[in-house]
All heavy atoms as atom14 arrays in JSON, in Angstrom:
{
  "sequence": "KNFVLFSVSLFTGIFMLIGFSGKKMSEPAVINSPVNIVECQTPANV",
  "atom14_mask": [
    [1, 1, 1, 1, 1, 1, 1, 1, 1, 0, 0, 0, 0, 0],
    [1, 1, 1, 1, 1, 1, 1, 1, 0, 0, 0, 0, 0, 0],
    [1, 1, 1, 1, 1, 1, 1, 1, 1, 1, 1, 0, 0, 0],
    [1, 1, 1, 1, 1, 1, 1, 0, 0, 0, 0, 0, 0, 0],
    [1, 1, 1, 1, 1, 1, 1, 1, 0, 0, 0, 0, 0, 0],
    [1, 1, 1, 1, 1, 1, 1, 1, 1, 1, 1, 0, 0, 0],
    [1, 1, 1, 1, 1, 1, 0, 0, 0, 0, 0, 0, 0, 0],
    [1, 1, 1, 1, 1, 1, 1, 0, 0, 0, 0, 0, 0, 0],
    [1, 1, 1, 1, 1, 1, 0, 0, 0, 0, 0, 0, 0, 0],
    [1, 1, 1, 1, 1, 1, 1, 1, 0, 0, 0, 0, 0, 0],
    [1, 1, 1, 1, 1, 1, 1, 1, 1, 1, 1, 0, 0, 0],
    [1, 1, 1, 1, 1, 1, 1, 0, 0, 0, 0, 0, 0, 0],
    [1, 1, 1, 1, 0, 0, 0, 0, 0, 0, 0, 0, 0, 0],
    [1, 1, 1, 1, 1, 1, 1, 1, 0, 0, 0, 0, 0, 0],
    [1, 1, 1, 1, 1, 1, 1, 1, 1, 1, 1, 0, 0, 0],
    [1, 1, 1, 1, 1, 1, 1, 1, 0, 0, 0, 0, 0, 0],
    [1, 1, 1, 1, 1, 1, 1, 1, 0, 0, 0, 0, 0, 0],
    [1, 1, 1, 1, 1, 1, 1, 1, 0, 0, 0, 0, 0, 0],
    [1, 1, 1, 1, 0, 0, 0, 0, 0, 0, 0, 0, 0, 0],
    [1, 1, 1, 1, 1, 1, 1, 1, 1, 1, 1, 0, 0, 0],
    [1, 1, 1, 1, 1, 1, 0, 0, 0, 0, 0, 0, 0, 0],
    [1, 1, 1, 1, 0, 0, 0, 0, 0, 0, 0, 0, 0, 0],
    [1, 1, 1, 1, 1, 1, 1, 1, 1, 0, 0, 0, 0, 0],
    [1, 1, 1, 1, 1, 1, 1, 1, 1, 0, 0, 0, 0, 0],
    [1, 1, 1, 1, 1, 1, 1, 1, 0, 0, 0, 0, 0, 0],
    [1, 1, 1, 1, 1, 1, 0, 0, 0, 0, 0, 0, 0, 0],
    [1, 1, 1, 1, 1, 1, 1, 1, 1, 0, 0, 0, 0, 0],
    [1, 1, 1, 1, 1, 1, 1, 0, 0, 0, 0, 0, 0, 0],
    [1, 1, 1, 1, 1, 0, 0, 0, 0, 0, 0, 0, 0, 0],
    [1, 1, 1, 1, 1, 1, 1, 0, 0, 0, 0, 0, 0, 0],
    [1, 1, 1, 1, 1, 1, 1, 1, 0, 0, 0, 0, 0, 0],
    [1, 1, 1, 1, 1, 1, 1, 1, 0, 0, 0, 0, 0, 0],
    [1, 1, 1, 1, 1, 1, 0, 0, 0, 0, 0, 0, 0, 0],
    [1, 1, 1, 1, 1, 1, 1, 0, 0, 0, 0, 0, 0, 0],
    [1, 1, 1, 1, 1, 1, 1, 0, 0, 0, 0, 0, 0, 0],
    [1, 1, 1, 1, 1, 1, 1, 1, 0, 0, 0, 0, 0, 0],
    [1, 1, 1, 1, 1, 1, 1, 1, 0, 0, 0, 0, 0, 0],
    [1, 1, 1, 1, 1, 1, 1, 0, 0, 0, 0, 0, 0, 0],
    [1, 1, 1, 1, 1, 1, 1, 1, 1, 0, 0, 0, 0, 0],
    [1, 1, 1, 1, 1, 1, 0, 0, 0, 0, 0, 0, 0, 0],
    [1, 1, 1, 1, 1, 1, 1, 1, 1, 0, 0, 0, 0, 0],
    [1, 1, 1, 1, 1, 1, 1, 0, 0, 0, 0, 0, 0, 0],
    [1, 1, 1, 1, 1, 1, 1, 0, 0, 0, 0, 0, 0, 0],
    [1, 1, 1, 1, 1, 0, 0, 0, 0, 0, 0, 0, 0, 0],
    [1, 1, 1, 1, 1, 1, 1, 1, 0, 0, 0, 0, 0, 0],
    [1, 1, 1, 1, 1, 1, 1, 0, 0, 0, 0, 0, 0, 0]
  ],
  "atom14_positions": [
    [[-31.97, 3.79, 9.89], [-30.53, 3.68, 9.7], [-29.85, 5.01, 9.98], [-30.37, 6.08, 9.76], [-30.22, 3.27, 8.26], [-30.72, 1.88, 7.9], [-30.35, 1.59, 6.46], [-30.81, 0.2, 6.05], [-30.51, -0.08, 4.65], [0.0, 0.0, 0.0], [0.0, 0.0, 0.0], [0.0, 0.0, 0.0], [0.0, 0.0, 0.0], [0.0, 0.0, 0.0]],
    [[-28.63, 4.9, 10.5], [-27.83, 6.1, 10.65], [-27.32, 6.54, 9.31], [-27.0, 5.73, 8.45], [-26.62, 5.83, 11.56], [-27.05, 5.52, 12.97], [-27.99, 6.11, 13.47], [-26.35, 4.59, 13.59], [0.0, 0.0, 0.0], [0.0, 0.0, 0.0], [0.0, 0.0, 0.0], [0.0, 0.0, 0.0], [0.0, 0.0, 0.0], [0.0, 0.0, 0.0]],
    [[-27.25, 7.82, 9.11], [-26.68, 8.33, 7.87], [-26.08, 9.69, 8.13], [-26.39, 10.35, 9.12], [-27.72, 8.4, 6.74], [-28.9, 9.27, 7.06], [-28.86, 10.65, 6.84], [-30.05, 8.71, 7.59], [-29.93, 11.42, 7.13], [-31.14, 9.51, 7.89], [-31.08, 10.86, 7.66], [0.0, 0.0, 0.0], [0.0, 0.0, 0.0], [0.0, 0.0, 0.0]],
    [[-25.19, 10.06, 7.2], [-24.54, 11.37, 7.31], [-24.83, 12.15, 6.05], [-24.53, 11.69, 4.95], [-23.01, 11.23, 7.47], [-22.38, 12.6, 7.59], [-22.7, 10.38, 8.69], [0.0, 0.0, 0.0], [0.0, 0.0, 0.0], [0.0, 0.0, 0.0], [0.0, 0.0, 0.0], [0.0, 0.0, 0.0], [0.0, 0.0, 0.0], [0.0, 0.0, 0.0]],
    [[-25.47, 13.3, 6.19], [-25.74, 14.16, 5.05], [-24.54, 15.05, 4.8], [-23.99, 15.61, 5.73], [-26.98, 15.03, 5.32], [-28.33, 14.31, 5.35], [-29.4, 15.31, 5.73], [-28.62, 13.7, 4.02], [0.0, 0.0, 0.0], [0.0, 0.0, 0.0], [0.0, 0.0, 0.0], [0.0, 0.0, 0.0], [0.0, 0.0, 0.0], [0.0, 0.0, 0.0]],
    [[-24.17, 15.14, 3.52], [-23.04, 15.97, 3.14], [-23.53, 17.25, 2.49], [-24.33, 17.21, 1.58], [-22.15, 15.24, 2.14], [-21.29, 14.23, 2.78], [-21.52, 12.89, 2.56], [-20.24, 14.6, 3.61], [-20.74, 11.95, 3.15], [-19.46, 13.66, 4.19], [-19.7, 12.34, 3.96], [0.0, 0.0, 0.0], [0.0, 0.0, 0.0], [0.0, 0.0, 0.0]],
    [[-23.02, 18.39, 2.88], [-23.34, 19.62, 2.19], [-22.16, 20.05, 1.36], [-21.07, 19.55, 1.52], [-23.7, 20.72, 3.18], [-22.55, 21.42, 3.54], [0.0, 0.0, 0.0], [0.0, 0.0, 0.0], [0.0, 0.0, 0.0], [0.0, 0.0, 0.0], [0.0, 0.0, 0.0], [0.0, 0.0, 0.0], [0.0, 0.0, 0.0], [0.0, 0.0, 0.0]],
    [[-22.41, 20.98, 0.45], [-21.39, 21.42, -0.47], [-20.85, 22.76, 0.0], [-21.55, 23.74, -0.02], [-22.01, 21.53, -1.86], [-20.99, 21.9, -2.87], [-22.64, 20.22, -2.22], [0.0, 0.0, 0.0], [0.0, 0.0, 0.0], [0.0, 0.0, 0.0], [0.0, 0.0, 0.0], [0.0, 0.0, 0.0], [0.0, 0.0, 0.0], [0.0, 0.0, 0.0]],
    [[-19.57, 22.85, 0.53], [-18.94, 24.07, 1.01], [-17.44, 23.97, 0.79], [-16.95, 22.92, 0.47], [-19.26, 24.29, 2.48], [-18.76, 23.22, 3.22], [0.0, 0.0, 0.0], [0.0, 0.0, 0.0], [0.0, 0.0, 0.0], [0.0, 0.0, 0.0], [0.0, 0.0, 0.0], [0.0, 0.0, 0.0], [0.0, 0.0, 0.0], [0.0, 0.0, 0.0]],
    [[-16.68, 25.02, 0.94], [-15.26, 25.02, 0.6], [-14.41, 24.33, 1.65], [-14.7, 24.39, 2.82], [-14.78, 26.46, 0.44], [-15.38, 27.22, -0.75], [-14.94, 28.67, -0.69], [-14.96, 26.61, -2.05], [0.0, 0.0, 0.0], [0.0, 0.0, 0.0], [0.0, 0.0, 0.0], [0.0, 0.0, 0.0], [0.0, 0.0, 0.0], [0.0, 0.0, 0.0]],
    [[-13.32, 23.69, 1.19], [-12.33, 23.17, 2.12], [-11.03, 22.92, 1.37], [-11.0, 22.89, 0.15], [-12.8, 21.88, 2.79], [-12.47, 20.64, 2.02], [-11.4, 19.84, 2.4], [-13.21, 20.29, 0.91], [-11.12, 18.7, 1.68], [-12.92, 19.16, 0.2], [-11.87, 18.36, 0.58], [0.0, 0.0, 0.0], [0.0, 0.0, 0.0], [0.0, 0.0, 0.0]],
    [[-9.95, 22.74, 2.14], [-8.68, 22.33, 1.56], [-8.16, 21.17, 2.37], [-8.53, 20.99, 3.52], [-7.63, 23.47, 1.61], [-7.48, 23.87, 2.97], [-8.08, 24.67, 0.77], [0.0, 0.0, 0.0], [0.0, 0.0, 0.0], [0.0, 0.0, 0.0], [0.0, 0.0, 0.0], [0.0, 0.0, 0.0], [0.0, 0.0, 0.0], [0.0, 0.0, 0.0]],
    [[-7.28, 20.37, 1.77], [-6.77, 19.21, 2.5], [-5.84, 18.4, 1.64], [-5.5, 18.79, 0.54], [0.0, 0.0, 0.0], [0.0, 0.0, 0.0], [0.0, 0.0, 0.0], [0.0, 0.0, 0.0], [0.0, 0.0, 0.0], [0.0, 0.0, 0.0], [0.0, 0.0, 0.0], [0.0, 0.0, 0.0], [0.0, 0.0, 0.0], [0.0, 0.0, 0.0]],
    [[-5.47, 17.26, 2.16], [-4.51, 16.39, 1.5], [-5.19, 15.08, 1.17], [-5.86, 14.49, 2.0], [-3.29, 16.11, 2.4], [-2.61, 17.43, 2.74], [-2.32, 15.17, 1.72], [-1.51, 17.28, 3.76], [0.0, 0.0, 0.0], [0.0, 0.0, 0.0], [0.0, 0.0, 0.0], [0.0, 0.0, 0.0], [0.0, 0.0, 0.0], [0.0, 0.0, 0.0]],
    [[-5.05, 14.65, -0.07], [-5.64, 13.37, -0.49], [-4.9, 12.22, 0.17], [-3.69, 12.18, 0.2], [-5.53, 13.25, -2.01], [-5.87, 11.87, -2.53], [-7.18, 11.46, -2.59], [-4.86, 11.02, -2.91], [-7.47, 10.21, -3.04], [-5.17, 9.76, -3.36], [-6.48, 9.36, -3.43], [0.0, 0.0, 0.0], [0.0, 0.0, 0.0], [0.0, 0.0, 0.0]],
    [[-5.67, 11.28, 0.72], [-5.1, 10.11, 1.38], [-5.3, 8.89, 0.51], [-6.43, 8.52, 0.22], [-5.79, 9.88, 2.74], [-5.65, 11.06, 3.69], [-3.94, 11.42, 4.11], [-3.54, 9.95, 5.04], [0.0, 0.0, 0.0], [0.0, 0.0, 0.0], [0.0, 0.0, 0.0], [0.0, 0.0, 0.0], [0.0, 0.0, 0.0], [0.0, 0.0, 0.0]],
    [[-4.25, 8.26, 0.09], [-4.31, 7.06, -0.71], [-4.21, 5.85, 0.19], [-3.33, 5.76, 1.03], [-3.16, 7.02, -1.72], [-3.05, 5.78, -2.6], [-4.24, 5.7, -3.53], [-1.76, 5.81, -3.4], [0.0, 0.0, 0.0], [0.0, 0.0, 0.0], [0.0, 0.0, 0.0], [0.0, 0.0, 0.0], [0.0, 0.0, 0.0], [0.0, 0.0, 0.0]],
    [[-5.16, 4.92, 0.02], [-5.12, 3.68, 0.8], [-4.03, 2.8, 0.23], [-4.1, 2.38, -0.92], [-6.48, 2.96, 0.74], [-7.56, 3.87, 1.32], [-6.44, 1.64, 1.49], [-8.96, 3.3, 1.2], [0.0, 0.0, 0.0], [0.0, 0.0, 0.0], [0.0, 0.0, 0.0], [0.0, 0.0, 0.0], [0.0, 0.0, 0.0], [0.0, 0.0, 0.0]],
    [[-3.02, 2.51, 0.99], [-1.87, 1.76, 0.5], [-1.94, 0.3, 0.83], [-2.74, -0.14, 1.63], [0.0, 0.0, 0.0], [0.0, 0.0, 0.0], [0.0, 0.0, 0.0], [0.0, 0.0, 0.0], [0.0, 0.0, 0.0], [0.0, 0.0, 0.0], [0.0, 0.0, 0.0], [0.0, 0.0, 0.0], [0.0, 0.0, 0.0], [0.0, 0.0, 0.0]],
    [[-1.09, -0.48, 0.2], [-1.0, -1.91, 0.47], [0.17, -2.15, 1.41], [1.27, -1.67, 1.17], [-0.77, -2.67, -0.85], [-0.58, -4.14, -0.65], [-1.62, -4.91, -0.18], [0.64, -4.73, -0.92], [-1.45, -6.27, -0.01], [0.81, -6.08, -0.74], [-0.24, -6.86, -0.29], [0.0, 0.0, 0.0], [0.0, 0.0, 0.0], [0.0, 0.0, 0.0]],
    [[-0.1, -2.87, 2.49], [0.93, -2.99, 3.51], [1.53, -4.38, 3.63], [2.46, -4.59, 4.38], [0.33, -2.6, 4.87], [-0.76, -3.43, 5.2], [0.0, 0.0, 0.0], [0.0, 0.0, 0.0], [0.0, 0.0, 0.0], [0.0, 0.0, 0.0], [0.0, 0.0, 0.0], [0.0, 0.0, 0.0], [0.0, 0.0, 0.0], [0.0, 0.0, 0.0]],
    [[0.98, -5.32, 2.88], [1.48, -6.67, 3.04], [2.42, -7.08, 1.93], [2.48, -6.47, 0.89], [0.0, 0.0, 0.0], [0.0, 0.0, 0.0], [0.0, 0.0, 0.0], [0.0, 0.0, 0.0], [0.0, 0.0, 0.0], [0.0, 0.0, 0.0], [0.0, 0.0, 0.0], [0.0, 0.0, 0.0], [0.0, 0.0, 0.0], [0.0, 0.0, 0.0]],
    [[3.16, -8.16, 2.15], [4.02, -8.74, 1.14], [3.65, -10.2, 0.95], [3.19, -10.86, 1.85], [5.5, -8.66, 1.55], [6.04, -7.25, 1.73], [7.48, -7.29, 2.11], [8.04, -5.89, 2.34], [9.46, -5.93, 2.73], [0.0, 0.0, 0.0], [0.0, 0.0, 0.0], [0.0, 0.0, 0.0], [0.0, 0.0, 0.0], [0.0, 0.0, 0.0]],
    [[3.84, -10.69, -0.26], [3.6, -12.09, -0.54], [4.92, -12.73, -0.93], [5.73, -12.13, -1.62], [2.57, -12.25, -1.66], [1.19, -11.72, -1.26], [0.2, -11.99, -2.34], [-1.19, -11.57, -1.94], [-1.33, -10.14, -1.77], [0.0, 0.0, 0.0], [0.0, 0.0, 0.0], [0.0, 0.0, 0.0], [0.0, 0.0, 0.0], [0.0, 0.0, 0.0]],
    [[5.1, -13.96, -0.52], [6.33, -14.67, -0.83], [6.5, -14.73, -2.35], [5.56, -14.95, -3.09], [6.24, -16.09, -0.27], [7.51, -16.89, -0.42], [7.4, -18.46, 0.46], [6.04, -19.22, -0.39], [0.0, 0.0, 0.0], [0.0, 0.0, 0.0], [0.0, 0.0, 0.0], [0.0, 0.0, 0.0], [0.0, 0.0, 0.0], [0.0, 0.0, 0.0]],
    [[7.69, -14.52, -2.82], [8.07, -14.54, -4.23], [7.71, -13.26, -4.95], [8.0, -13.11, -6.12], [7.42, -15.73, -4.98], [7.85, -16.94, -4.41], [0.0, 0.0, 0.0], [0.0, 0.0, 0.0], [0.0, 0.0, 0.0], [0.0, 0.0, 0.0], [0.0, 0.0, 0.0], [0.0, 0.0, 0.0], [0.0, 0.0, 0.0], [0.0, 0.0, 0.0]],
    [[7.08, -12.3, -4.27], [6.8, -11.02, -4.89], [7.84, -10.0, -4.42], [8.34, -10.09, -3.29], [5.4, -10.51, -4.52], [4.28, -11.38, -5.06], [2.93, -10.8, -4.73], [2.87, -9.74, -4.09], [1.94, -11.42, -5.12], [0.0, 0.0, 0.0], [0.0, 0.0, 0.0], [0.0, 0.0, 0.0], [0.0, 0.0, 0.0], [0.0, 0.0, 0.0]],
    [[8.17, -9.04, -5.26], [9.13, -8.02, -4.84], [8.52, -7.13, -3.78], [7.3, -7.03, -3.65], [9.4, -7.25, -6.14], [8.15, -7.44, -6.95], [7.69, -8.84, -6.61], [0.0, 0.0, 0.0], [0.0, 0.0, 0.0], [0.0, 0.0, 0.0], [0.0, 0.0, 0.0], [0.0, 0.0, 0.0], [0.0, 0.0, 0.0], [0.0, 0.0, 0.0]],
    [[9.36, -6.47, -3.02], [8.86, -5.54, -2.01], [8.06, -4.44, -2.69], [8.37, -4.0, -3.79], [10.03, -4.94, -1.24], [0.0, 0.0, 0.0], [0.0, 0.0, 0.0], [0.0, 0.0, 0.0], [0.0, 0.0, 0.0], [0.0, 0.0, 0.0], [0.0, 0.0, 0.0], [0.0, 0.0, 0.0], [0.0, 0.0, 0.0], [0.0, 0.0, 0.0]],
    [[7.02, -4.0, -2.02], [6.19, -2.94, -2.56], [6.98, -1.64, -2.58], [7.62, -1.27, -1.6], [4.91, -2.78, -1.71], [4.12, -1.56, -2.19], [4.07, -4.03, -1.82], [0.0, 0.0, 0.0], [0.0, 0.0, 0.0], [0.0, 0.0, 0.0], [0.0, 0.0, 0.0], [0.0, 0.0, 0.0], [0.0, 0.0, 0.0], [0.0, 0.0, 0.0]],
    [[6.92, -0.95, -3.69], [7.63, 0.31, -3.83], [6.73, 1.44, -3.34], [5.63, 1.62, -3.85], [8.01, 0.56, -5.31], [8.79, -0.65, -5.85], [8.8, 1.84, -5.46], [10.08, -0.92, -5.14], [0.0, 0.0, 0.0], [0.0, 0.0, 0.0], [0.0, 0.0, 0.0], [0.0, 0.0, 0.0], [0.0, 0.0, 0.0], [0.0, 0.0, 0.0]],
    [[7.16, 2.19, -2.35], [6.36, 3.28, -1.83], [6.56, 4.54, -2.68], [7.13, 5.53, -2.25], [6.73, 3.57, -0.37], [6.35, 2.41, 0.52], [5.27, 1.86, 0.38], [7.24, 2.05, 1.42], [0.0, 0.0, 0.0], [0.0, 0.0, 0.0], [0.0, 0.0, 0.0], [0.0, 0.0, 0.0], [0.0, 0.0, 0.0], [0.0, 0.0, 0.0]],
    [[6.11, 4.45, -3.91], [6.23, 5.58, -4.83], [4.87, 5.83, -5.45], [3.99, 5.0, -5.39], [7.25, 5.24, -5.93], [6.82, 4.11, -6.66], [0.0, 0.0, 0.0], [0.0, 0.0, 0.0], [0.0, 0.0, 0.0], [0.0, 0.0, 0.0], [0.0, 0.0, 0.0], [0.0, 0.0, 0.0], [0.0, 0.0, 0.0], [0.0, 0.0, 0.0]],
    [[4.68, 7.02, -6.06], [3.39, 7.33, -6.66], [3.01, 6.33, -7.74], [3.86, 5.75, -8.41], [3.6, 8.73, -7.25], [4.74, 9.3, -6.48], [5.62, 8.13, -6.16], [0.0, 0.0, 0.0], [0.0, 0.0, 0.0], [0.0, 0.0, 0.0], [0.0, 0.0, 0.0], [0.0, 0.0, 0.0], [0.0, 0.0, 0.0], [0.0, 0.0, 0.0]],
    [[1.69, 6.14, -7.92], [1.21, 5.25, -8.97], [1.6, 5.82, -10.33], [1.43, 7.0, -10.59], [-0.33, 5.14, -8.88], [-0.85, 4.25, -9.99], [-0.71, 4.58, -7.52], [0.0, 0.0, 0.0], [0.0, 0.0, 0.0], [0.0, 0.0, 0.0], [0.0, 0.0, 0.0], [0.0, 0.0, 0.0], [0.0, 0.0, 0.0], [0.0, 0.0, 0.0]],
    [[2.12, 4.96, -11.18], [2.54, 5.4, -12.5], [1.64, 4.78, -13.55], [1.79, 3.64, -13.93], [4.0, 4.97, -12.74], [4.48, 5.36, -14.13], [4.0, 6.34, -14.69], [5.42, 4.6, -14.67], [0.0, 0.0, 0.0], [0.0, 0.0, 0.0], [0.0, 0.0, 0.0], [0.0, 0.0, 0.0], [0.0, 0.0, 0.0], [0.0, 0.0, 0.0]],
    [[0.63, 5.53, -13.98], [-0.28, 5.04, -15.0], [0.22, 5.5, -16.36], [0.29, 6.69, -16.64], [-1.71, 5.57, -14.76], [-2.18, 5.18, -13.35], [-2.67, 5.05, -15.8], [-2.23, 3.69, -13.12], [0.0, 0.0, 0.0], [0.0, 0.0, 0.0], [0.0, 0.0, 0.0], [0.0, 0.0, 0.0], [0.0, 0.0, 0.0], [0.0, 0.0, 0.0]],
    [[0.58, 4.56, -17.21], [1.19, 4.9, -18.49], [0.12, 5.05, -19.56], [-0.98, 4.56, -19.43], [2.21, 3.82, -18.91], [3.31, 3.71, -17.9], [1.52, 2.48, -19.12], [0.0, 0.0, 0.0], [0.0, 0.0, 0.0], [0.0, 0.0, 0.0], [0.0, 0.0, 0.0], [0.0, 0.0, 0.0], [0.0, 0.0, 0.0], [0.0, 0.0, 0.0]],
    [[0.49, 5.75, -20.63], [-0.42, 5.89, -21.75], [-0.37, 4.63, -22.6], [0.57, 3.85, -22.57], [-0.01, 7.1, -22.6], [-0.18, 8.43, -21.89], [-1.62, 8.69, -21.51], [-2.51, 8.36, -22.31], [-1.85, 9.22, -20.42], [0.0, 0.0, 0.0], [0.0, 0.0, 0.0], [0.0, 0.0, 0.0], [0.0, 0.0, 0.0], [0.0, 0.0, 0.0]],
    [[-1.44, 4.43, -23.38], [-1.53, 3.27, -24.26], [-0.48, 3.36, -25.36], [-0.3, 4.41, -25.96], [-2.91, 3.23, -24.89], [-3.71, 1.66, -24.75], [0.0, 0.0, 0.0], [0.0, 0.0, 0.0], [0.0, 0.0, 0.0], [0.0, 0.0, 0.0], [0.0, 0.0, 0.0], [0.0, 0.0, 0.0], [0.0, 0.0, 0.0], [0.0, 0.0, 0.0]],
    [[0.2, 2.29, -25.61], [1.15, 2.29, -26.7], [1.29, 0.88, -27.24], [1.1, -0.11, -26.52], [2.51, 2.81, -26.23], [3.03, 2.15, -24.97], [4.26, 2.84, -24.44], [5.2, 3.08, -25.17], [4.27, 3.17, -23.15], [0.0, 0.0, 0.0], [0.0, 0.0, 0.0], [0.0, 0.0, 0.0], [0.0, 0.0, 0.0], [0.0, 0.0, 0.0]],
    [[1.59, 0.77, -28.52], [1.74, -0.54, -29.15], [3.13, -1.09, -28.85], [4.14, -0.45, -29.16], [1.56, -0.42, -30.67], [0.28, 0.15, -30.94], [1.68, -1.78, -31.33], [0.0, 0.0, 0.0], [0.0, 0.0, 0.0], [0.0, 0.0, 0.0], [0.0, 0.0, 0.0], [0.0, 0.0, 0.0], [0.0, 0.0, 0.0], [0.0, 0.0, 0.0]],
    [[3.22, -2.27, -28.22], [4.53, -2.84, -27.91], [5.31, -3.15, -29.18], [4.74, -3.52, -30.2], [4.18, -4.13, -27.14], [2.75, -3.95, -26.73], [2.11, -3.11, -27.76], [0.0, 0.0, 0.0], [0.0, 0.0, 0.0], [0.0, 0.0, 0.0], [0.0, 0.0, 0.0], [0.0, 0.0, 0.0], [0.0, 0.0, 0.0], [0.0, 0.0, 0.0]],
    [[6.61, -3.01, -29.1], [7.46, -3.29, -30.25], [8.1, -4.68, -30.12], [8.29, -5.2, -29.03], [8.55, -2.22, -30.35], [0.0, 0.0, 0.0], [0.0, 0.0, 0.0], [0.0, 0.0, 0.0], [0.0, 0.0, 0.0], [0.0, 0.0, 0.0], [0.0, 0.0, 0.0], [0.0, 0.0, 0.0], [0.0, 0.0, 0.0], [0.0, 0.0, 0.0]],
    [[8.43, -5.27, -31.27], [9.18, -6.53, -31.33], [8.49, -7.67, -30.59], [9.14, -8.47, -29.91], [10.59, -6.32, -30.77], [11.34, -5.23, -31.51], [11.25, -5.13, -32.74], [12.07, -4.41, -30.77], [0.0, 0.0, 0.0], [0.0, 0.0, 0.0], [0.0, 0.0, 0.0], [0.0, 0.0, 0.0], [0.0, 0.0, 0.0], [0.0, 0.0, 0.0]],
    [[7.16, -7.74, -30.71], [6.42, -8.85, -30.12], [5.62, -9.53, -31.21], [4.93, -8.87, -31.99], [5.46, -8.35, -29.01], [4.63, -9.5, -28.47], [6.25, -7.7, -27.88], [0.0, 0.0, 0.0], [0.0, 0.0, 0.0], [0.0, 0.0, 0.0], [0.0, 0.0, 0.0], [0.0, 0.0, 0.0], [0.0, 0.0, 0.0], [0.0, 0.0, 0.0]]
  ]
}
């Protein structure tokens, strides 16, 4: 099998996020903004 060996050395670069490019009917348009992961919290008035 073909394989690629990786060595450990310095580099700099930009992280590439794989985005979603499609839309589904009845869904809102995808917002091209950073992922917003919220902290855990207990919902109120439920």
